[in-house]
Protein backbone atom coordinates (compact mmCIF):
# COMPACT_ATOMS: atom_id res chain seq x y z
CA UNK A 1 0.21 0.24 -0.10
CA UNK A 2 1.56 3.25 -1.29
CA UNK A 3 0.24 6.62 0.62
CA UNK A 4 1.37 9.35 2.78
CA UNK A 5 2.08 8.10 6.31
CA UNK A 6 0.63 10.12 9.15
CA UNK A 7 0.96 7.45 12.15
CA UNK A 8 3.44 4.52 12.40
CA UNK A 9 3.18 2.45 15.16
CA UNK A 10 6.27 -0.26 15.50
CA UNK A 11 6.19 -3.12 17.78
CA UNK A 12 3.74 -1.99 19.69
CA UNK A 13 3.05 -4.16 22.86
CA UNK A 14 0.33 -3.15 25.94
CA UNK A 15 -0.51 -4.81 29.11
CA UNK A 16 -2.64 -4.23 31.47
CA UNK A 17 -0.88 -5.61 34.79
CA UNK A 18 0.01 -8.90 33.58
CA UNK A 19 -2.10 -9.46 30.93
CA UNK A 20 -0.92 -8.45 27.21
CA UNK A 21 -3.93 -6.60 25.16
CA UNK A 22 -1.50 -5.80 21.83
CA UNK A 23 0.77 -7.85 20.41
CA UNK A 24 3.45 -6.53 18.68
CA UNK A 25 1.59 -4.13 16.17
CA UNK A 26 2.94 -3.16 13.32
CA UNK A 27 1.00 -0.56 10.92
CA UNK A 28 1.26 2.64 9.13
CA UNK A 29 -2.25 5.20 9.17
CA UNK A 30 -2.45 7.07 6.01
CA UNK A 31 -2.73 10.64 5.84
CA UNK A 32 -6.22 12.52 5.92
CA UNK A 33 -8.05 9.32 4.90
CA UNK A 34 -10.81 7.48 7.31
CA UNK A 35 -9.10 4.27 8.90
CA UNK A 36 -11.51 2.33 10.69
CA UNK A 37 -10.79 -0.79 13.24
CA UNK A 38 -13.16 -3.65 13.58
CA UNK A 39 -13.08 -6.37 15.54
CA UNK A 40 -14.93 -8.23 18.32
CA UNK A 41 -15.39 -6.97 22.00
CA UNK A 42 -12.18 -6.94 23.96
CA UNK A 43 -10.08 -7.33 21.39
CA UNK A 44 -8.05 -4.32 21.93
CA UNK A 45 -9.52 -1.66 19.49
CA UNK A 46 -10.12 0.89 22.10
CA UNK A 47 -6.67 0.11 23.37
CA UNK A 48 -4.55 0.77 20.00
CA UNK A 49 -6.61 4.09 19.55
CA UNK A 50 -5.64 5.25 22.61
CA UNK A 51 -2.24 4.47 22.49
CA UNK A 52 -1.82 6.85 19.49
CA UNK A 53 -2.36 10.00 21.89
CA UNK A 54 -1.48 8.05 24.90
CA UNK A 55 -4.49 8.28 26.74
CA UNK A 56 -3.68 4.59 27.84
CA UNK A 57 -1.47 6.32 30.42
CA UNK A 58 -4.28 7.52 32.33
CA UNK A 59 -4.80 3.97 33.37
CA UNK A 60 -3.12 2.08 36.29
CA UNK A 61 -0.90 -0.92 35.66
CA UNK A 62 -0.30 -0.14 32.08
CA UNK A 63 3.41 -1.25 30.57
CA UNK A 64 3.57 -0.02 26.81
CA UNK A 65 6.77 -1.49 24.61
CA UNK A 66 7.50 -0.28 21.06
CA UNK A 67 7.29 3.17 19.35
CA UNK A 68 4.28 5.21 17.62
CA UNK A 69 5.43 7.77 15.37
CA UNK A 70 3.00 11.08 14.70
CA UNK A 71 4.97 13.12 12.19
CA UNK A 72 7.94 11.40 12.24
CA UNK A 73 8.06 11.62 16.01
CA UNK A 74 8.28 9.27 18.64
CA UNK A 75 5.35 9.63 21.07
CA UNK A 76 6.83 7.21 23.78
CA UNK A 77 10.12 8.84 23.86
CA UNK A 78 10.76 9.94 27.28
CA UNK A 79 11.54 13.64 26.38
CA UNK A 80 7.98 14.13 24.68
CA UNK A 81 5.47 16.58 25.85
CA UNK A 82 2.33 14.75 26.35
CA UNK A 83 0.21 17.74 25.95
CA UNK A 84 1.56 19.22 22.91
CA UNK A 85 1.00 15.46 21.55
CA UNK A 86 -3.10 15.97 22.68
CA UNK A 87 -3.72 19.00 21.40
CA UNK A 88 -2.80 17.29 17.54
CA UNK A 89 -5.80 14.66 18.01
CA UNK A 90 -9.27 15.44 19.14
CA UNK A 91 -11.01 12.52 20.48
CA UNK A 92 -14.71 11.28 20.41
CA UNK A 93 -15.62 8.93 23.12
CA UNK A 94 -19.00 6.52 22.90
CA UNK A 95 -20.79 9.34 24.82
CA UNK A 96 -20.41 12.96 24.40
CA UNK A 97 -18.88 14.60 27.26
CA UNK A 98 -19.66 18.74 27.00
CA UNK A 99 -18.21 20.86 29.36
CA UNK A 100 -20.79 22.14 32.16
CA UNK A 101 -20.97 25.92 30.27
CA UNK A 102 -22.68 27.13 27.61
CA UNK A 103 -22.56 26.33 23.65
CA UNK A 104 -20.00 29.13 22.77
CA UNK A 105 -17.91 28.48 26.01
CA UNK A 106 -17.54 24.73 24.87
CA UNK A 107 -16.26 25.57 21.15
CA UNK A 108 -14.00 28.72 22.37
CA UNK A 109 -12.39 26.83 25.82
CA UNK A 110 -9.22 25.46 24.08
CA UNK A 111 -8.36 28.92 21.81
CA UNK A 112 -8.86 31.01 24.97
CA UNK A 113 -6.75 28.35 27.37
CA UNK A 114 -4.08 28.83 24.84
CA UNK A 115 -4.36 32.52 24.46
CA UNK A 116 -6.76 33.92 22.13
CA UNK A 117 -8.47 36.81 23.75
CA UNK A 118 -9.62 38.29 20.59
CA UNK A 119 -13.77 38.77 20.74
CA UNK A 120 -13.97 38.94 16.71
CA UNK A 121 -11.59 36.32 16.40
CA UNK A 122 -13.22 33.88 18.63
CA UNK A 123 -16.91 34.61 17.36
CA UNK A 124 -15.42 33.86 14.02
CA UNK A 125 -13.81 30.44 15.45
CA UNK A 126 -16.64 29.60 16.76
CA UNK A 127 -19.40 29.80 14.16
CA UNK A 128 -16.60 27.98 11.98
CA UNK A 129 -16.34 25.12 13.82
CA UNK A 130 -20.10 24.86 14.80
CA UNK A 131 -20.27 24.95 10.55
CA UNK A 132 -17.75 22.58 10.26
CA UNK A 133 -19.64 20.33 12.94
CA UNK A 134 -22.84 20.87 11.33
CA UNK A 135 -24.61 22.56 14.10
CA UNK A 136 -24.23 25.95 13.32
CA UNK A 137 -28.03 26.27 11.94
CA UNK A 138 -29.36 24.84 14.90
CA UNK A 139 -27.92 26.76 17.70
CA UNK A 140 -26.94 29.79 16.40
CA UNK A 141 -29.79 31.31 18.21
CA UNK A 142 -28.95 29.78 21.95
CA UNK A 143 -25.31 29.95 21.91
CA UNK A 144 -25.55 31.51 25.55
CA UNK A 145 -27.38 28.59 26.46
CA UNK A 146 -26.25 25.50 28.50
CA UNK A 147 -25.21 22.91 26.56
CA UNK A 148 -26.40 20.20 28.49
CA UNK A 149 -29.57 21.10 27.10
CA UNK A 150 -28.82 19.99 23.78
CA UNK A 151 -29.99 16.70 22.56
CA UNK A 152 -27.45 13.76 22.66
CA UNK A 153 -26.77 13.77 19.12
CA UNK A 154 -26.31 17.53 19.33
CA UNK A 155 -23.72 17.12 22.05
CA UNK A 156 -22.00 14.40 20.21
CA UNK A 157 -21.51 17.25 17.32
CA UNK A 158 -20.40 19.99 19.40
CA UNK A 159 -17.82 18.08 20.92
CA UNK A 160 -16.60 17.49 17.57
CA UNK A 161 -16.50 21.64 17.36
CA UNK A 162 -14.73 21.68 20.14
CA UNK A 163 -11.83 19.20 19.63
CA UNK A 164 -11.69 21.29 15.75
CA UNK A 165 -11.44 24.55 17.38
CA UNK A 166 -7.97 23.02 19.24
CA UNK A 167 -6.63 22.85 15.46
CA UNK A 168 -5.81 19.34 15.30
CA UNK A 169 -4.27 17.03 12.65
CA UNK A 170 -5.99 13.94 13.94
CA UNK A 171 -9.51 13.20 14.72
CA UNK A 172 -9.90 9.61 16.79
CA UNK A 173 -13.16 8.48 17.27
CA UNK A 174 -13.89 5.74 19.97
CA UNK A 175 -17.70 4.13 18.65
CA UNK A 176 -18.61 7.79 18.82
CA UNK A 177 -22.37 7.02 17.04
CA UNK A 178 -22.92 4.33 19.38
CA UNK A 179 -24.86 6.00 21.96
CA UNK A 180 -27.06 8.15 18.92
CA UNK A 181 -30.09 7.75 17.07
CA UNK A 182 -29.86 6.53 13.61
CA UNK A 183 -30.45 10.45 12.58
CA UNK A 184 -27.85 11.83 14.21
CA UNK A 185 -25.55 8.94 13.63
CA UNK A 186 -25.83 10.02 9.92
CA UNK A 187 -25.12 13.41 10.74
CA UNK A 188 -21.72 12.06 12.84
CA UNK A 189 -20.90 9.86 9.55
CA UNK A 190 -21.25 12.80 7.26
CA UNK A 191 -18.87 15.25 8.93
CA UNK A 192 -16.05 12.59 8.87
CA UNK A 193 -16.71 12.53 5.09
CA UNK A 194 -16.65 16.08 4.59
CA UNK A 195 -13.45 16.38 6.87
CA UNK A 196 -11.30 13.99 5.75
CA UNK A 197 -10.16 15.79 3.09
CA UNK A 198 -8.41 18.03 6.36
CA UNK A 199 -8.16 15.46 8.93
CA UNK A 200 -6.55 12.16 9.56
CA UNK A 201 -9.28 10.21 10.70
CA UNK A 202 -9.35 6.76 12.91
CA UNK A 203 -12.30 5.22 14.35
CA UNK A 204 -13.45 2.11 16.32
CA UNK A 205 -16.83 0.42 15.72
CA UNK A 206 -18.88 -2.65 16.01
CA UNK A 207 -21.48 -1.31 13.28
CA UNK A 208 -19.70 -3.37 10.26
CA UNK A 209 -22.32 -1.67 7.85
CA UNK A 210 -20.95 2.13 8.96
CA UNK A 211 -17.65 0.77 8.35
CA UNK A 212 -18.43 -0.22 4.95
CA UNK A 213 -19.83 3.58 4.48
CA UNK A 214 -16.70 5.37 5.95
CA UNK A 215 -13.37 3.43 5.47
CA UNK A 216 -10.64 3.94 3.32
CA UNK A 217 -8.91 1.69 5.06
CA UNK A 218 -9.72 -1.23 7.44
CA UNK A 219 -7.60 -2.96 10.69
CA UNK A 220 -8.83 -6.44 11.81
CA UNK A 221 -8.02 -7.00 14.99
CA UNK A 222 -8.64 -10.11 16.97
CA UNK A 223 -7.25 -11.00 20.54
CA UNK A 224 -4.22 -8.10 20.55
CA UNK A 225 -3.48 -9.07 16.93
CA UNK A 226 -3.78 -7.45 13.67
CA UNK A 227 -4.97 -10.27 11.42
CA UNK A 228 -5.53 -8.33 8.31
CA UNK A 229 -5.15 -4.33 7.02
CA UNK A 230 -5.65 -2.70 3.85
CA UNK A 231 -7.96 -0.79 1.36
CA UNK A 232 -11.66 -0.85 2.21
CA UNK A 233 -13.28 -2.34 -0.54
CA UNK A 234 -10.59 -4.81 -0.84
CA UNK A 235 -11.34 -6.61 2.68
CA UNK A 236 -15.24 -6.43 2.49
CA UNK A 237 -15.40 -7.91 -0.72
CA UNK A 238 -12.48 -10.71 -1.01
CA UNK A 239 -10.67 -10.87 2.72
CA UNK A 240 -7.72 -12.55 2.50
CA UNK A 241 -7.90 -14.82 5.78
CA UNK A 242 -10.16 -17.19 7.66
CA UNK A 243 -10.43 -15.33 11.15
CA UNK A 244 -11.84 -11.56 8.48
CA UNK A 245 -13.91 -13.74 6.54
CA UNK A 246 -15.70 -15.32 9.78
CA UNK A 247 -16.24 -12.00 11.27
CA UNK A 248 -17.52 -10.04 8.41
CA UNK A 249 -20.01 -12.67 7.96
CA UNK A 250 -20.61 -12.98 11.52
CA UNK A 251 -19.38 -16.44 12.58
CA UNK A 252 -17.99 -17.32 15.39
CA UNK A 253 -14.08 -17.29 15.01
CA UNK A 254 -12.21 -20.26 16.19
CA UNK A 255 -8.42 -21.06 16.59
CA UNK A 256 -6.98 -23.07 13.85
CA UNK A 257 -5.95 -26.31 14.72
CA UNK A 258 -2.61 -26.79 13.68
CA UNK A 259 -1.72 -30.25 12.69
CA UNK A 260 2.40 -29.54 12.30
CA UNK A 261 4.73 -27.10 12.96
CA UNK A 262 8.09 -25.59 11.29
CA UNK A 263 10.81 -23.21 12.42
CA UNK A 264 12.39 -21.61 9.91
CA UNK A 265 14.20 -18.93 11.38
CA UNK A 266 17.74 -18.65 9.89
CA UNK A 267 16.12 -20.17 6.61
CA UNK A 268 16.32 -17.88 3.01
CA UNK A 269 14.92 -18.29 -0.28
CA UNK A 270 15.14 -21.12 -1.90
CA UNK A 271 15.56 -23.49 1.35
CA UNK A 272 12.19 -22.04 3.09
CA UNK A 273 10.16 -23.38 -0.06
CA UNK A 274 12.02 -26.56 -0.08
CA UNK A 275 10.81 -27.11 3.40
CA UNK A 276 8.01 -25.93 3.47
CA UNK A 277 7.11 -28.50 -0.06
CA UNK A 278 8.30 -31.21 2.34
CA UNK A 279 5.95 -30.36 5.62
CA UNK A 280 2.88 -30.34 3.41
CA UNK A 281 3.94 -33.13 1.56
CA UNK A 282 3.51 -35.23 4.72
CA UNK A 283 -0.02 -33.60 5.70
CA UNK A 284 -3.42 -34.82 4.60
CA UNK A 285 -5.24 -32.66 2.70
CA UNK A 286 -7.32 -30.44 5.12
CA UNK A 287 -4.51 -30.21 7.55
CA UNK A 288 -2.43 -27.32 8.64
CA UNK A 289 1.11 -26.14 9.04
CA UNK A 290 2.37 -23.29 10.85
CA UNK A 291 5.48 -21.87 10.23
CA UNK A 292 8.07 -19.53 11.60
CA UNK A 293 10.04 -17.44 9.74
CA UNK A 294 12.52 -14.16 10.28
CA UNK A 295 13.31 -13.34 6.74
CA UNK A 296 11.19 -10.58 5.89
CA UNK A 297 11.06 -10.80 2.25
CA UNK A 298 9.41 -14.36 2.84
CA UNK A 299 6.69 -12.82 4.27
CA UNK A 300 5.24 -12.08 0.87
CA UNK A 301 7.01 -14.75 -1.12
CA UNK A 302 5.80 -17.47 0.74
CA UNK A 303 2.20 -16.96 0.82
CA UNK A 304 2.07 -15.98 -3.02
CA UNK A 305 3.95 -19.20 -4.17
CA UNK A 306 1.73 -21.91 -1.47
CA UNK A 307 -1.72 -20.25 -2.89
CA UNK A 308 -0.79 -20.20 -6.44
CA UNK A 309 -0.21 -23.77 -6.23
CA UNK A 310 -3.23 -24.26 -4.62
CA UNK A 311 -2.93 -24.50 -1.33
CA UNK A 312 -4.97 -21.62 1.49
CA UNK A 313 -3.27 -19.55 3.30
CA UNK A 314 -5.50 -18.99 6.60
CA UNK A 315 -3.37 -16.45 8.67
CA UNK A 316 0.15 -14.26 8.44
CA UNK A 317 1.13 -12.19 11.41
CA UNK A 318 3.91 -10.79 13.23
CA UNK A 319 4.70 -12.48 16.61
CA UNK A 320 7.49 -10.37 17.83
CA UNK A 321 10.15 -7.81 16.53
CA UNK A 322 11.57 -10.23 14.17
CA UNK A 323 9.48 -13.12 13.56
CA UNK A 324 6.17 -13.74 11.45
CA UNK A 325 3.61 -16.75 11.81
CA UNK A 326 2.17 -18.44 8.59
CA UNK A 327 -0.62 -20.70 8.61
CA UNK A 328 -1.44 -22.82 5.71
CA UNK A 329 -4.33 -25.40 5.41
CA UNK A 330 -2.88 -27.92 2.53
CA UNK A 331 -5.94 -28.01 -0.17
CA UNK A 332 -4.61 -30.37 -2.56
CA UNK A 333 -1.97 -33.49 -3.20
CA UNK A 334 0.16 -31.87 -5.50
CA UNK A 335 3.70 -30.24 -5.04
CA UNK A 336 4.61 -27.07 -4.26
């Protein structure tokens, strides 16, 4: 995939106490596109999202290893100023969290903190951001009224306007429409589609129909592992791996039963093909081979050759900084 990268994740692992939630995540998030993270409940979607702005730091017992680069800067560097980082990112939570003040003051809050005092400029900024959030025409006659009196859908759009007023580069959304009625959800979705030309947007959702409507790129996360990542239309129409296909079809996801394992660490082409060939010849049709490799080029070459010969690659994933796992189902008795 060729695109301009805005967020780059390298070897990211996250633990809550002794429980590992994210396993060696390596992925690049494109600039000015909508990337949607999907997967079952408890698979690490929100943890991955909040690792981008280090909100996971606020939870007790969290340990993080790896790197997350935003604009080429590692946000987990000890020297990073976290407030500066979070200013780059607006976050929409599942339920809107308006400030206990007027509609106007909610939007003006961040610019005032950062030194904007001019009333005319504040007025212009508030109107602009409320327009960006699709809310101006609904509230322009009651800007001094309490934000808490707005409907929940209007409150979410107000939170979006408040985030935009901080002049971010990135918008993060953690199931931002899950608490909204369909009409309010549609308005938020439309805002995202309108705003993606100006901002990098990363969303978590359980709603596959919403993901299909919004996503340019999709990350399928399962049990803390990235199973599949790519262009949305390719993944939704023709997923590569069985776990992705099962999830998209609403089926129960089962772990693969491994019939044979093969460690190919230290092996390069063509030896890895030869050894994979021998291992598959020893299996029956329908049985599953798991190979471990530490040769990066083979992550691409081995699956291509395997599938060309009629076998099925069920899964490819990074398991640590140097190693990958490829799971293959034998589909015929021919040779590789």
